[in-house]
Each structure stands twice: as structure tokens, then as C-alpha cells.
């Protein structure tokens, strides 16, 4: 009788991944907005808003992906899965962040676009690296063999 592998992870593991990524992204967003605006106060406000909303979105997003078995093998995501997760997440957050940049930083459409293209390129690399690092850490992975 064949067995099927069901893999997921603990809530704490997803939480740690979310916090790790958010810290790296907030550092990036703060310095990038500081370069664009020259204002520590405005950059801090924007980074704080991105932190609160981004942490919530990332956690929910990662939990949803755990329900998708595509390209997972015994708890490990394939490179292809990590890349697809990265791209889909970036499109989602780009859309939300573009609107936030217009509202909080009062950027024109062109300024907001340049700002977030720069941001997205940087954090896409960060997200992929975080995914690959956590993929190599076994703590918090839950792997179950079930009858098929």
C-alpha cells in the first residue's frame, strides 16, 4: 500500500519566518524611504505602517501556502515552489504598498512606481534567501506519512 506524505509546519515556525522577513524588509524600507524623502519622521511612520500590515499579511500568506502541496517533498519546498511563492507574494505586496506609498508619502504615481520597483527587487532577493534558509532548518517542520 502506497503512502502519501503530508507536510506542514508549526505556527511558531511560520511566526519566526514572518518576523525574520519583516525585520529585514523594514530595515530596507526605512533606508529606502529615507533616501527618497530625506525625512526620518516620515520614513519612520511609513516603516512602522509597513511593519504592522506586512507582518499580518506575510503570516496569513505563508499559512495559506501550507495548504498547497504542490512542489513539496517531505517538508521541503522545491526551488520552483519558493520562486513561485516569492513572485506571487511580491505582486500582492507591491499592489498594497503602491497604494500606501501614495497615501502616506504623498508620492506621485511615477515616484511611487520607482520607489516600489526598487524596493521589490531588493526584498524579492531577501524573501527568496529567507525561504531557502528556513527550508534547510528542520525545527518546526511536521511531516506525516498517511495511507494513500
C-alpha atoms as a PDB file:
ATOM      1  CA  UNK A   1       0.000   0.000   0.000  1.00  0.00           C
ATOM      2  CA  UNK A   2       1.408   3.366  -1.008  1.00  0.00           C
ATOM      3  CA  UNK A   3       1.874   6.147   1.479  1.00  0.00           C
ATOM      4  CA  UNK A   4       1.394   9.824   0.950  1.00  0.00           C
ATOM      5  CA  UNK A   5       3.499  12.484   2.618  1.00  0.00           C
ATOM      6  CA  UNK A   6       1.604  15.318   4.335  1.00  0.00           C
ATOM      7  CA  UNK A   7       3.877  18.152   5.374  1.00  0.00           C
ATOM      8  CA  UNK A   8       3.235  21.377   7.196  1.00  0.00           C
ATOM      9  CA  UNK A   9       4.873  23.403   9.933  1.00  0.00           C
ATOM     10  CA  UNK A  10       4.138  24.662  13.400  1.00  0.00           C
ATOM     11  CA  UNK A  11       2.531  28.040  13.995  1.00  0.00           C
ATOM     12  CA  UNK A  12       5.712  29.139  15.790  1.00  0.00           C
ATOM     13  CA  UNK A  13       7.874  28.300  12.757  1.00  0.00           C
ATOM     14  CA  UNK A  14       5.632  30.355  10.472  1.00  0.00           C
ATOM     15  CA  UNK A  15       5.768  33.166  13.029  1.00  0.00           C
ATOM     16  CA  UNK A  16       9.564  33.125  13.189  1.00  0.00           C
ATOM     17  CA  UNK A  17       9.778  33.163   9.382  1.00  0.00           C
ATOM     18  CA  UNK A  18       7.417  36.124   9.270  1.00  0.00           C
ATOM     19  CA  UNK A  19       9.380  38.062  11.907  1.00  0.00           C
ATOM     20  CA  UNK A  20      12.736  37.339  10.233  1.00  0.00           C
ATOM     21  CA  UNK A  21      11.491  38.538   6.872  1.00  0.00           C
ATOM     22  CA  UNK A  22       9.710  41.593   8.306  1.00  0.00           C
ATOM     23  CA  UNK A  23      12.805  42.778  10.176  1.00  0.00           C
ATOM     24  CA  UNK A  24      14.894  42.591   7.014  1.00  0.00           C
ATOM     25  CA  UNK A  25      12.182  44.295   4.972  1.00  0.00           C
ATOM     26  CA  UNK A  26      11.601  47.100   7.492  1.00  0.00           C
ATOM     27  CA  UNK A  27      15.294  47.915   7.532  1.00  0.00           C
ATOM     28  CA  UNK A  28      15.213  48.051   3.729  1.00  0.00           C
ATOM     29  CA  UNK A  29      12.022  50.136   3.561  1.00  0.00           C
ATOM     30  CA  UNK A  30      13.215  52.624   6.191  1.00  0.00           C
ATOM     31  CA  UNK A  31      16.515  53.372   4.448  1.00  0.00           C
ATOM     32  CA  UNK A  32      14.953  53.404   1.006  1.00  0.00           C
ATOM     33  CA  UNK A  33      12.239  55.864   2.084  1.00  0.00           C
ATOM     34  CA  UNK A  34      14.869  57.945   3.876  1.00  0.00           C
ATOM     35  CA  UNK A  35      16.842  58.174   0.631  1.00  0.00           C
ATOM     36  CA  UNK A  36      13.705  59.164  -1.306  1.00  0.00           C
ATOM     37  CA  UNK A  37      12.219  61.618   1.233  1.00  0.00           C
ATOM     38  CA  UNK A  38      15.140  62.824   3.358  1.00  0.00           C
ATOM     39  CA  UNK A  39      12.787  62.728   6.362  1.00  0.00           C
ATOM     40  CA  UNK A  40      13.481  60.434   9.320  1.00  0.00           C
ATOM     41  CA  UNK A  41       9.987  61.103  10.745  1.00  0.00           C
ATOM     42  CA  UNK A  42       8.160  60.266   7.514  1.00  0.00           C
ATOM     43  CA  UNK A  43      10.387  57.246   6.899  1.00  0.00           C
ATOM     44  CA  UNK A  44       9.708  56.002  10.446  1.00  0.00           C
ATOM     45  CA  UNK A  45       5.935  56.418  10.033  1.00  0.00           C
ATOM     46  CA  UNK A  46       5.984  54.579   6.737  1.00  0.00           C
ATOM     47  CA  UNK A  47       8.249  51.788   8.029  1.00  0.00           C
ATOM     48  CA  UNK A  48       6.006  51.342  11.094  1.00  0.00           C
ATOM     49  CA  UNK A  49       2.887  51.063   8.957  1.00  0.00           C
ATOM     50  CA  UNK A  50       4.581  48.588   6.628  1.00  0.00           C
ATOM     51  CA  UNK A  51       5.745  46.551   9.646  1.00  0.00           C
ATOM     52  CA  UNK A  52       2.288  46.160  11.172  1.00  0.00           C
ATOM     53  CA  UNK A  53       0.424  45.432   7.947  1.00  0.00           C
ATOM     54  CA  UNK A  54       3.223  43.415   6.388  1.00  0.00           C
ATOM     55  CA  UNK A  55       3.660  41.075   9.339  1.00  0.00           C
ATOM     56  CA  UNK A  56      -0.030  40.216   9.298  1.00  0.00           C
ATOM     57  CA  UNK A  57      -0.134  39.702   5.540  1.00  0.00           C
ATOM     58  CA  UNK A  58       3.028  37.567   5.468  1.00  0.00           C
ATOM     59  CA  UNK A  59       1.846  35.278   8.273  1.00  0.00           C
ATOM     60  CA  UNK A  60      -1.530  34.650   6.637  1.00  0.00           C
ATOM     61  CA  UNK A  61       0.079  34.206   3.212  1.00  0.00           C
ATOM     62  CA  UNK A  62       2.556  31.622   4.486  1.00  0.00           C
ATOM     63  CA  UNK A  63      -0.167  29.681   6.318  1.00  0.00           C
ATOM     64  CA  UNK A  64      -2.256  29.555   3.131  1.00  0.00           C
ATOM     65  CA  UNK A  65       0.707  28.181   1.157  1.00  0.00           C
ATOM     66  CA  UNK A  66       0.976  25.335   3.659  1.00  0.00           C
ATOM     67  CA  UNK A  67      -2.379  24.108   2.366  1.00  0.00           C
ATOM     68  CA  UNK A  68      -0.936  23.783  -1.157  1.00  0.00           C
ATOM     69  CA  UNK A  69       1.017  20.511  -1.587  1.00  0.00           C
ATOM     70  CA  UNK A  70       2.450  21.474  -4.995  1.00  0.00           C
ATOM     71  CA  UNK A  71       6.267  21.107  -5.191  1.00  0.00           C
ATOM     72  CA  UNK A  72       6.688  19.989  -1.541  1.00  0.00           C
ATOM     73  CA  UNK A  73       8.519  16.818  -0.630  1.00  0.00           C
ATOM     74  CA  UNK A  74       8.745  15.666   2.989  1.00  0.00           C
ATOM     75  CA  UNK A  75       8.536  19.203   4.311  1.00  0.00           C
ATOM     76  CA  UNK A  76      10.965  20.719   1.829  1.00  0.00           C
ATOM     77  CA  UNK A  77       9.887  23.292  -0.730  1.00  0.00           C
ATOM     78  CA  UNK A  78      11.423  22.906  -4.160  1.00  0.00           C
ATOM     79  CA  UNK A  79      13.265  25.866  -5.630  1.00  0.00           C
ATOM     80  CA  UNK A  80      10.411  26.220  -8.116  1.00  0.00           C
ATOM     81  CA  UNK A  81       7.851  26.468  -5.273  1.00  0.00           C
ATOM     82  CA  UNK A  82       9.994  29.029  -3.436  1.00  0.00           C
ATOM     83  CA  UNK A  83      10.274  31.085  -6.626  1.00  0.00           C
ATOM     84  CA  UNK A  84       6.514  30.985  -7.304  1.00  0.00           C
ATOM     85  CA  UNK A  85       5.757  31.891  -3.671  1.00  0.00           C
ATOM     86  CA  UNK A  86       8.206  34.782  -3.952  1.00  0.00           C
ATOM     87  CA  UNK A  87       6.688  36.164  -7.155  1.00  0.00           C
ATOM     88  CA  UNK A  88       3.056  35.835  -6.034  1.00  0.00           C
ATOM     89  CA  UNK A  89       3.842  37.451  -2.673  1.00  0.00           C
ATOM     90  CA  UNK A  90       5.695  40.315  -4.320  1.00  0.00           C
ATOM     91  CA  UNK A  91       2.805  41.051  -6.697  1.00  0.00           C
ATOM     92  CA  UNK A  92       0.364  41.101  -3.776  1.00  0.00           C
ATOM     93  CA  UNK A  93       2.510  43.329  -1.588  1.00  0.00           C
ATOM     94  CA  UNK A  94       3.531  45.581  -4.472  1.00  0.00           C
ATOM     95  CA  UNK A  95      -0.101  46.421  -5.131  1.00  0.00           C
ATOM     96  CA  UNK A  96      -0.848  47.164  -1.492  1.00  0.00           C
ATOM     97  CA  UNK A  97       2.402  49.052  -0.938  1.00  0.00           C
ATOM     98  CA  UNK A  98       1.939  51.199  -4.026  1.00  0.00           C
ATOM     99  CA  UNK A  99      -1.356  52.448  -2.595  1.00  0.00           C
ATOM    100  CA  UNK A 100       0.259  53.009   0.812  1.00  0.00           C
ATOM    101  CA  UNK A 101       3.132  54.972  -0.687  1.00  0.00           C
ATOM    102  CA  UNK A 102       0.721  57.264  -2.466  1.00  0.00           C
ATOM    103  CA  UNK A 103      -1.273  57.807   0.751  1.00  0.00           C
ATOM    104  CA  UNK A 104       1.495  58.095   3.387  1.00  0.00           C
ATOM    105  CA  UNK A 105       4.468  59.523   1.491  1.00  0.00           C
ATOM    106  CA  UNK A 106       2.339  61.592  -0.898  1.00  0.00           C
ATOM    107  CA  UNK A 107       4.330  60.363  -3.886  1.00  0.00           C
ATOM    108  CA  UNK A 108       3.130  60.847  -7.442  1.00  0.00           C
ATOM    109  CA  UNK A 109       2.351  57.682  -9.392  1.00  0.00           C
ATOM    110  CA  UNK A 110       5.772  57.853 -11.075  1.00  0.00           C
ATOM    111  CA  UNK A 111       7.634  58.352  -7.770  1.00  0.00           C
ATOM    112  CA  UNK A 112       5.684  55.548  -6.113  1.00  0.00           C
ATOM    113  CA  UNK A 113       6.425  53.242  -9.038  1.00  0.00           C
ATOM    114  CA  UNK A 114      10.191  53.916  -8.962  1.00  0.00           C
ATOM    115  CA  UNK A 115      10.229  53.565  -5.166  1.00  0.00           C
ATOM    116  CA  UNK A 116       8.495  50.208  -5.162  1.00  0.00           C
ATOM    117  CA  UNK A 117      10.256  48.735  -8.140  1.00  0.00           C
ATOM    118  CA  UNK A 118      13.498  49.407  -6.270  1.00  0.00           C
ATOM    119  CA  UNK A 119      12.042  48.029  -3.029  1.00  0.00           C
ATOM    120  CA  UNK A 120      10.575  44.946  -4.680  1.00  0.00           C
ATOM    121  CA  UNK A 121      13.808  43.997  -6.407  1.00  0.00           C
ATOM    122  CA  UNK A 122      15.696  44.185  -3.117  1.00  0.00           C
ATOM    123  CA  UNK A 123      13.129  42.350  -0.998  1.00  0.00           C
ATOM    124  CA  UNK A 124      12.460  39.684  -3.630  1.00  0.00           C
ATOM    125  CA  UNK A 125      16.048  38.569  -3.147  1.00  0.00           C
ATOM    126  CA  UNK A 126      15.670  38.802   0.655  1.00  0.00           C
ATOM    127  CA  UNK A 127      12.433  36.744   0.603  1.00  0.00           C
ATOM    128  CA  UNK A 128      13.981  34.003  -1.538  1.00  0.00           C
ATOM    129  CA  UNK A 129      17.025  33.800   0.756  1.00  0.00           C
ATOM    130  CA  UNK A 130      14.829  33.609   3.884  1.00  0.00           C
ATOM    131  CA  UNK A 131      12.730  30.845   2.256  1.00  0.00           C
ATOM    132  CA  UNK A 132      15.822  28.814   1.370  1.00  0.00           C
ATOM    133  CA  UNK A 133      17.375  29.245   4.839  1.00  0.00           C
ATOM    134  CA  UNK A 134      14.202  28.150   6.621  1.00  0.00           C
ATOM    135  CA  UNK A 135      13.822  25.272   4.173  1.00  0.00           C
ATOM    136  CA  UNK A 136      17.129  23.884   5.449  1.00  0.00           C
ATOM    137  CA  UNK A 137      16.076  24.150   9.133  1.00  0.00           C
ATOM    138  CA  UNK A 138      14.181  21.079  10.342  1.00  0.00           C
ATOM    139  CA  UNK A 139      12.884  22.510  13.626  1.00  0.00           C
ATOM    140  CA  UNK A 140       9.152  23.135  13.441  1.00  0.00           C
ATOM    141  CA  UNK A 141       8.540  21.036  10.334  1.00  0.00           C
ATOM    142  CA  UNK A 142       5.742  18.488  10.644  1.00  0.00           C
ATOM    143  CA  UNK A 143       5.915  15.535   8.303  1.00  0.00           C
ATOM    144  CA  UNK A 144       3.314  12.768   8.429  1.00  0.00           C
ATOM    145  CA  UNK A 145       3.062   9.629   6.326  1.00  0.00           C
ATOM    146  CA  UNK A 146      -0.553   8.703   5.668  1.00  0.00           C
ATOM    147  CA  UNK A 147      -2.051   5.827   3.748  1.00  0.00           C
ATOM    148  CA  UNK A 148      -2.929   6.818   0.195  1.00  0.00           C
END
